[in-house]
Amino acid sequence: MKQQLTHRLHELKAEFDAGQKMMAELEAKQANLRETLLRISGAIQVIEEELSRAASPEDVNLTSNGHSEHIEPVTEFETM
């Protein structure tokens, strides 16, 4: 009985160590992803600001029916 418990204890410790290693790897991936999303968010903000600044009265296009149409900056992105 003691030998079985000792064996099970070693198995559980090995599983625990593997789980801790996996959690550390996932936390590192999460941090990397968070940094990537922050950079993307910053790039989106810069582009939106540039588009807003570029949107002036000169940025008027004529449509096919001859009417003028103001160009609006993109403020949201669709997800697929």
C-alpha atoms as a PDB file:
ATOM      1  CA  MET A   1       0.000   0.000   0.000  1.00  0.00           C
ATOM      2  CA  LYS A   2       2.786   2.436   0.935  1.00  0.00           C
ATOM      3  CA  GLN A   3       4.581   1.696  -2.337  1.00  0.00           C
ATOM      4  CA  GLN A   4       1.412   2.489  -4.335  1.00  0.00           C
ATOM      5  CA  LEU A   5       0.950   5.782  -2.483  1.00  0.00           C
ATOM      6  CA  THR A   6       4.590   6.721  -3.035  1.00  0.00           C
ATOM      7  CA  HIS A   7       4.279   5.921  -6.732  1.00  0.00           C
ATOM      8  CA  ARG A   8       1.074   7.971  -7.004  1.00  0.00           C
ATOM      9  CA  LEU A   9       2.735  10.844  -5.144  1.00  0.00           C
ATOM     10  CA  HIS A  10       5.572  10.904  -7.700  1.00  0.00           C
ATOM     11  CA  GLU A  11       3.058  10.850 -10.573  1.00  0.00           C
ATOM     12  CA  LEU A  12       1.094  13.740  -9.093  1.00  0.00           C
ATOM     13  CA  LYS A  13       4.249  15.783  -8.480  1.00  0.00           C
ATOM     14  CA  ALA A  14       5.333  15.216 -12.079  1.00  0.00           C
ATOM     15  CA  GLU A  15       1.880  16.286 -13.330  1.00  0.00           C
ATOM     16  CA  PHE A  16       2.007  19.337 -11.073  1.00  0.00           C
ATOM     17  CA  ASP A  17       5.443  20.347 -12.373  1.00  0.00           C
ATOM     18  CA  ALA A  18       4.299  19.881 -15.978  1.00  0.00           C
ATOM     19  CA  GLY A  19       1.214  21.975 -15.262  1.00  0.00           C
ATOM     20  CA  GLN A  20       3.297  24.762 -13.742  1.00  0.00           C
ATOM     21  CA  LYS A  21       5.613  24.742 -16.753  1.00  0.00           C
ATOM     22  CA  MET A  22       2.648  24.895 -19.123  1.00  0.00           C
ATOM     23  CA  MET A  23       1.094  27.751 -17.147  1.00  0.00           C
ATOM     24  CA  ALA A  24       4.350  29.741 -17.299  1.00  0.00           C
ATOM     25  CA  GLU A  25       4.500  29.221 -21.077  1.00  0.00           C
ATOM     26  CA  LEU A  26       0.882  30.327 -21.480  1.00  0.00           C
ATOM     27  CA  GLU A  27       1.455  33.401 -19.316  1.00  0.00           C
ATOM     28  CA  ALA A  28       4.436  34.345 -21.508  1.00  0.00           C
ATOM     29  CA  LYS A  29       2.314  33.896 -24.635  1.00  0.00           C
ATOM     30  CA  GLN A  30      -0.442  35.998 -23.058  1.00  0.00           C
ATOM     31  CA  ALA A  31       2.023  38.794 -22.280  1.00  0.00           C
ATOM     32  CA  ASN A  32       3.373  38.699 -25.848  1.00  0.00           C
ATOM     33  CA  LEU A  33      -0.145  38.790 -27.266  1.00  0.00           C
ATOM     34  CA  ARG A  34      -1.084  41.688 -24.983  1.00  0.00           C
ATOM     35  CA  GLU A  35       1.959  43.648 -26.234  1.00  0.00           C
ATOM     36  CA  THR A  36       1.084  42.862 -29.849  1.00  0.00           C
ATOM     37  CA  LEU A  37      -2.510  44.009 -29.375  1.00  0.00           C
ATOM     38  CA  LEU A  38      -1.276  47.193 -27.717  1.00  0.00           C
ATOM     39  CA  ARG A  39       0.986  47.941 -30.701  1.00  0.00           C
ATOM     40  CA  ILE A  40      -1.861  47.233 -33.138  1.00  0.00           C
ATOM     41  CA  SER A  41      -4.185  49.462 -31.129  1.00  0.00           C
ATOM     42  CA  GLY A  42      -1.615  52.249 -31.252  1.00  0.00           C
ATOM     43  CA  ALA A  43      -1.219  51.862 -35.010  1.00  0.00           C
ATOM     44  CA  ILE A  44      -5.003  51.989 -35.457  1.00  0.00           C
ATOM     45  CA  GLN A  45      -5.168  55.162 -33.385  1.00  0.00           C
ATOM     46  CA  VAL A  46      -2.394  56.837 -35.407  1.00  0.00           C
ATOM     47  CA  ILE A  47      -4.058  55.965 -38.720  1.00  0.00           C
ATOM     48  CA  GLU A  48      -7.461  57.172 -37.501  1.00  0.00           C
ATOM     49  CA  GLU A  49      -5.916  60.446 -36.347  1.00  0.00           C
ATOM     50  CA  GLU A  50      -4.153  60.895 -39.693  1.00  0.00           C
ATOM     51  CA  LEU A  51      -7.384  60.180 -41.570  1.00  0.00           C
ATOM     52  CA  SER A  52      -9.267  62.670 -39.385  1.00  0.00           C
ATOM     53  CA  ARG A  53      -6.607  65.309 -39.946  1.00  0.00           C
ATOM     54  CA  ALA A  54      -6.603  64.623 -43.700  1.00  0.00           C
ATOM     55  CA  ALA A  55     -10.411  64.877 -43.883  1.00  0.00           C
ATOM     56  CA  SER A  56     -10.843  68.498 -44.914  1.00  0.00           C
ATOM     57  CA  PRO A  57     -13.188  70.376 -47.280  1.00  0.00           C
ATOM     58  CA  GLU A  58     -10.798  69.554 -50.133  1.00  0.00           C
ATOM     59  CA  ASP A  59     -11.430  65.843 -49.560  1.00  0.00           C
ATOM     60  CA  VAL A  60     -14.701  65.875 -51.446  1.00  0.00           C
ATOM     61  CA  ASN A  61     -15.308  63.402 -54.268  1.00  0.00           C
ATOM     62  CA  LEU A  62     -17.892  63.609 -56.990  1.00  0.00           C
ATOM     63  CA  THR A  63     -20.159  60.588 -57.177  1.00  0.00           C
ATOM     64  CA  SER A  64     -21.326  59.059 -60.448  1.00  0.00           C
ATOM     65  CA  ASN A  65     -24.461  61.244 -60.365  1.00  0.00           C
ATOM     66  CA  GLY A  66     -22.404  64.434 -60.006  1.00  0.00           C
ATOM     67  CA  HIS A  67     -23.155  65.067 -56.335  1.00  0.00           C
ATOM     68  CA  SER A  68     -20.343  65.709 -53.918  1.00  0.00           C
ATOM     69  CA  GLU A  69     -19.634  63.257 -51.143  1.00  0.00           C
ATOM     70  CA  HIS A  70     -17.403  63.924 -48.142  1.00  0.00           C
ATOM     71  CA  ILE A  71     -14.836  61.210 -47.362  1.00  0.00           C
ATOM     72  CA  GLU A  72     -15.115  60.069 -43.742  1.00  0.00           C
ATOM     73  CA  PRO A  73     -12.257  58.410 -41.867  1.00  0.00           C
ATOM     74  CA  VAL A  74     -12.646  54.785 -40.870  1.00  0.00           C
ATOM     75  CA  THR A  75     -13.286  54.494 -37.138  1.00  0.00           C
ATOM     76  CA  GLU A  76     -14.180  50.816 -36.755  1.00  0.00           C
ATOM     77  CA  PHE A  77     -12.974  47.619 -38.344  1.00  0.00           C
ATOM     78  CA  GLU A  78     -15.213  44.685 -39.172  1.00  0.00           C
ATOM     79  CA  THR A  79     -14.186  41.281 -37.898  1.00  0.00           C
ATOM     80  CA  MET A  80     -14.644  38.239 -40.028  1.00  0.00           C
END
